[in-house]
Amino acid sequence: MTRIRSLLVPAALLAAALTACGGSEDTAGRGEKSSSPSADPSPSATSREAVCVRLITYWAHDQLKPGGGSQSDYQQKGLSDGQNTILLDVVELAKKERRENGDVASRALVEREVKKRCAERYEGEGTDAPSAGWPQ
């Protein structure tokens, strides 16, 4: 009896945890609308362009730090190949700008160029932002 009870207690706890985490499928597959908030599309979806700007701006400023910042490759940074191309181009321009006009001008160039290039890259696309990319 004790052995059966010792097996039932963990099973009951697991069942309770799954139910609390939304493991119940009461309406799944029956065509009924779920009342789960995660089932509805987000009204504040972030555009691909905005994600591009946020990621590339972050990594550009990181690369412009003394010592060169993170040595991660573009995939570890959550960037696509095209986004990485923008990053490399903008960092190169920003380093030149910093040598000629200082750090403030360099940071302004990053902000301006990243917004422009991401807008060109994602022109005409919707708000289906990619799931990749940190920092958040």
C-alpha atoms as a PDB file:
ATOM      1  CA  MET A   1       0.000   0.000   0.000  1.00  0.00           C
ATOM      2  CA  THR A   2       2.818   2.415   0.861  1.00  0.00           C
ATOM      3  CA  ARG A   3       4.558   1.680  -2.429  1.00  0.00           C
ATOM      4  CA  ILE A   4       1.389   2.403  -4.443  1.00  0.00           C
ATOM      5  CA  ARG A   5       0.866   5.660  -2.517  1.00  0.00           C
ATOM      6  CA  SER A   6       4.484   6.701  -3.155  1.00  0.00           C
ATOM      7  CA  LEU A   7       3.866   6.266  -6.904  1.00  0.00           C
ATOM      8  CA  LEU A   8       0.503   8.014  -6.921  1.00  0.00           C
ATOM      9  CA  VAL A   9       1.621  11.173  -5.137  1.00  0.00           C
ATOM     10  CA  PRO A  10       4.165  12.229  -7.821  1.00  0.00           C
ATOM     11  CA  ALA A  11       1.668  11.345 -10.562  1.00  0.00           C
ATOM     12  CA  ALA A  12      -1.024  13.459  -8.901  1.00  0.00           C
ATOM     13  CA  LEU A  13       1.384  16.379  -8.505  1.00  0.00           C
ATOM     14  CA  LEU A  14       2.389  16.133 -12.158  1.00  0.00           C
ATOM     15  CA  ALA A  15      -1.260  16.087 -13.264  1.00  0.00           C
ATOM     16  CA  ALA A  16      -2.009  19.125 -11.105  1.00  0.00           C
ATOM     17  CA  ALA A  17       0.985  20.989 -12.489  1.00  0.00           C
ATOM     18  CA  LEU A  18       0.031  20.233 -16.087  1.00  0.00           C
ATOM     19  CA  THR A  19      -3.530  21.352 -15.536  1.00  0.00           C
ATOM     20  CA  ALA A  20      -2.358  24.579 -13.875  1.00  0.00           C
ATOM     21  CA  CYS A  21      -0.015  25.254 -16.818  1.00  0.00           C
ATOM     22  CA  GLY A  22      -2.804  24.964 -19.366  1.00  0.00           C
ATOM     23  CA  GLY A  23      -2.352  21.321 -20.201  1.00  0.00           C
ATOM     24  CA  SER A  24      -6.124  20.847 -20.442  1.00  0.00           C
ATOM     25  CA  GLU A  25      -7.493  20.439 -23.962  1.00  0.00           C
ATOM     26  CA  ASP A  26     -11.203  20.997 -23.280  1.00  0.00           C
ATOM     27  CA  THR A  27     -11.837  23.006 -26.459  1.00  0.00           C
ATOM     28  CA  ALA A  28      -8.905  21.863 -28.600  1.00  0.00           C
ATOM     29  CA  GLY A  29      -9.852  20.454 -31.978  1.00  0.00           C
ATOM     30  CA  ARG A  30     -13.607  21.094 -31.610  1.00  0.00           C
ATOM     31  CA  GLY A  31     -13.718  24.382 -33.456  1.00  0.00           C
ATOM     32  CA  GLU A  32     -14.466  26.308 -30.271  1.00  0.00           C
ATOM     33  CA  LYS A  33     -12.691  29.548 -29.603  1.00  0.00           C
ATOM     34  CA  SER A  34     -10.216  29.266 -26.767  1.00  0.00           C
ATOM     35  CA  SER A  35     -10.458  31.772 -23.959  1.00  0.00           C
ATOM     36  CA  SER A  36      -6.681  31.658 -23.511  1.00  0.00           C
ATOM     37  CA  PRO A  37      -5.100  35.090 -23.931  1.00  0.00           C
ATOM     38  CA  SER A  38      -2.194  33.538 -25.847  1.00  0.00           C
ATOM     39  CA  ALA A  39      -4.576  32.218 -28.516  1.00  0.00           C
ATOM     40  CA  ASP A  40      -5.426  35.701 -29.748  1.00  0.00           C
ATOM     41  CA  PRO A  41      -2.948  37.551 -31.955  1.00  0.00           C
ATOM     42  CA  SER A  42      -1.004  40.239 -30.190  1.00  0.00           C
ATOM     43  CA  PRO A  43      -2.282  43.734 -30.917  1.00  0.00           C
ATOM     44  CA  SER A  44       1.192  45.099 -30.290  1.00  0.00           C
ATOM     45  CA  ALA A  45       3.178  42.859 -32.635  1.00  0.00           C
ATOM     46  CA  THR A  46       6.592  44.282 -33.359  1.00  0.00           C
ATOM     47  CA  SER A  47       7.435  44.867 -36.994  1.00  0.00           C
ATOM     48  CA  ARG A  48      10.372  43.094 -38.581  1.00  0.00           C
ATOM     49  CA  GLU A  49      11.857  46.515 -39.251  1.00  0.00           C
ATOM     50  CA  ALA A  50      11.671  47.482 -35.559  1.00  0.00           C
ATOM     51  CA  VAL A  51      13.304  44.194 -34.525  1.00  0.00           C
ATOM     52  CA  CYS A  52      16.023  44.789 -37.115  1.00  0.00           C
ATOM     53  CA  VAL A  53      16.684  48.300 -35.800  1.00  0.00           C
ATOM     54  CA  ARG A  54      16.785  47.179 -32.167  1.00  0.00           C
ATOM     55  CA  LEU A  55      19.121  44.242 -32.782  1.00  0.00           C
ATOM     56  CA  ILE A  56      21.534  45.915 -35.152  1.00  0.00           C
ATOM     57  CA  THR A  57      21.734  49.112 -33.107  1.00  0.00           C
ATOM     58  CA  TYR A  58      22.525  47.083 -29.988  1.00  0.00           C
ATOM     59  CA  TRP A  59      25.222  45.027 -31.697  1.00  0.00           C
ATOM     60  CA  ALA A  60      26.710  48.015 -33.521  1.00  0.00           C
ATOM     61  CA  HIS A  61      27.173  49.877 -30.247  1.00  0.00           C
ATOM     62  CA  ASP A  62      28.602  46.682 -28.758  1.00  0.00           C
ATOM     63  CA  GLN A  63      31.131  46.379 -31.598  1.00  0.00           C
ATOM     64  CA  LEU A  64      32.162  50.012 -31.174  1.00  0.00           C
ATOM     65  CA  LYS A  65      33.145  49.493 -27.531  1.00  0.00           C
ATOM     66  CA  PRO A  66      36.846  49.595 -26.706  1.00  0.00           C
ATOM     67  CA  GLY A  67      38.182  46.116 -27.416  1.00  0.00           C
ATOM     68  CA  GLY A  68      35.565  45.401 -30.070  1.00  0.00           C
ATOM     69  CA  GLY A  69      32.728  44.050 -27.929  1.00  0.00           C
ATOM     70  CA  SER A  70      31.304  40.567 -28.303  1.00  0.00           C
ATOM     71  CA  GLN A  71      33.122  38.109 -30.523  1.00  0.00           C
ATOM     72  CA  SER A  72      29.957  36.063 -31.153  1.00  0.00           C
ATOM     73  CA  ASP A  73      29.063  35.187 -34.713  1.00  0.00           C
ATOM     74  CA  TYR A  74      25.962  36.662 -36.313  1.00  0.00           C
ATOM     75  CA  GLN A  75      23.802  33.630 -35.580  1.00  0.00           C
ATOM     76  CA  GLN A  76      24.678  33.766 -31.888  1.00  0.00           C
ATOM     77  CA  LYS A  77      23.636  37.417 -31.978  1.00  0.00           C
ATOM     78  CA  GLY A  78      20.259  36.427 -33.421  1.00  0.00           C
ATOM     79  CA  LEU A  79      20.872  38.133 -36.761  1.00  0.00           C
ATOM     80  CA  SER A  80      20.103  36.940 -40.255  1.00  0.00           C
ATOM     81  CA  ASP A  81      22.783  37.050 -42.927  1.00  0.00           C
ATOM     82  CA  GLY A  82      21.245  40.215 -44.373  1.00  0.00           C
ATOM     83  CA  GLN A  83      21.061  41.875 -40.967  1.00  0.00           C
ATOM     84  CA  ASN A  84      24.681  40.946 -40.344  1.00  0.00           C
ATOM     85  CA  THR A  85      25.659  42.607 -43.613  1.00  0.00           C
ATOM     86  CA  ILE A  86      23.957  45.797 -42.429  1.00  0.00           C
ATOM     87  CA  LEU A  87      25.755  45.507 -39.066  1.00  0.00           C
ATOM     88  CA  LEU A  88      29.196  45.088 -40.645  1.00  0.00           C
ATOM     89  CA  ASP A  89      28.654  48.001 -43.059  1.00  0.00           C
ATOM     90  CA  VAL A  90      27.326  50.326 -40.370  1.00  0.00           C
ATOM     91  CA  VAL A  91      30.135  49.481 -37.906  1.00  0.00           C
ATOM     92  CA  GLU A  92      32.728  50.174 -40.592  1.00  0.00           C
ATOM     93  CA  LEU A  93      31.135  53.557 -41.370  1.00  0.00           C
ATOM     94  CA  ALA A  94      30.786  54.364 -37.657  1.00  0.00           C
ATOM     95  CA  LYS A  95      34.461  53.634 -36.955  1.00  0.00           C
ATOM     96  CA  LYS A  96      35.453  56.011 -39.745  1.00  0.00           C
ATOM     97  CA  GLU A  97      33.019  58.626 -38.417  1.00  0.00           C
ATOM     98  CA  ARG A  98      34.431  58.255 -34.898  1.00  0.00           C
ATOM     99  CA  ARG A  99      38.002  58.808 -36.156  1.00  0.00           C
ATOM    100  CA  GLU A 100      36.953  61.905 -38.070  1.00  0.00           C
ATOM    101  CA  ASN A 101      34.281  63.478 -35.833  1.00  0.00           C
ATOM    102  CA  GLY A 102      34.218  61.745 -32.459  1.00  0.00           C
ATOM    103  CA  ASP A 103      32.077  59.299 -30.527  1.00  0.00           C
ATOM    104  CA  VAL A 104      28.854  61.348 -30.492  1.00  0.00           C
ATOM    105  CA  ALA A 105      28.872  61.641 -34.281  1.00  0.00           C
ATOM    106  CA  SER A 106      29.602  57.941 -34.565  1.00  0.00           C
ATOM    107  CA  ARG A 107      26.627  56.993 -32.375  1.00  0.00           C
ATOM    108  CA  ALA A 108      24.357  59.331 -34.355  1.00  0.00           C
ATOM    109  CA  LEU A 109      25.513  57.718 -37.591  1.00  0.00           C
ATOM    110  CA  VAL A 110      24.658  54.261 -36.201  1.00  0.00           C
ATOM    111  CA  GLU A 111      21.142  55.372 -35.254  1.00  0.00           C
ATOM    112  CA  ARG A 112      20.541  57.038 -38.604  1.00  0.00           C
ATOM    113  CA  GLU A 113      22.049  54.358 -40.856  1.00  0.00           C
ATOM    114  CA  VAL A 114      20.488  51.386 -39.071  1.00  0.00           C
ATOM    115  CA  LYS A 115      16.996  52.913 -39.275  1.00  0.00           C
ATOM    116  CA  LYS A 116      17.474  53.717 -42.955  1.00  0.00           C
ATOM    117  CA  ARG A 117      18.865  50.320 -43.925  1.00  0.00           C
ATOM    118  CA  CYS A 118      16.343  48.298 -41.921  1.00  0.00           C
ATOM    119  CA  ALA A 119      13.527  50.348 -43.466  1.00  0.00           C
ATOM    120  CA  GLU A 120      14.897  49.557 -46.930  1.00  0.00           C
ATOM    121  CA  ARG A 121      15.324  45.871 -46.082  1.00  0.00           C
ATOM    122  CA  TYR A 122      11.777  45.364 -44.758  1.00  0.00           C
ATOM    123  CA  GLU A 123       9.902  47.900 -46.884  1.00  0.00           C
ATOM    124  CA  GLY A 124       6.334  46.777 -47.501  1.00  0.00           C
ATOM    125  CA  GLU A 125       6.387  43.855 -45.059  1.00  0.00           C
ATOM    126  CA  GLY A 126       3.881  43.279 -42.257  1.00  0.00           C
ATOM    127  CA  THR A 127       4.322  42.941 -38.509  1.00  0.00           C
ATOM    128  CA  ASP A 128       5.309  39.257 -38.367  1.00  0.00           C
ATOM    129  CA  ALA A 129       8.482  39.742 -36.375  1.00  0.00           C
ATOM    130  CA  PRO A 130      11.036  36.957 -36.313  1.00  0.00           C
ATOM    131  CA  SER A 131      11.242  35.059 -33.064  1.00  0.00           C
ATOM    132  CA  ALA A 132      15.020  35.047 -33.037  1.00  0.00           C
ATOM    133  CA  GLY A 133      17.222  37.675 -31.574  1.00  0.00           C
ATOM    134  CA  TRP A 134      18.258  38.788 -28.217  1.00  0.00           C
ATOM    135  CA  PRO A 135      18.614  41.091 -26.335  1.00  0.00           C
ATOM    136  CA  GLN A 136      14.994  41.673 -25.646  1.00  0.00           C
END
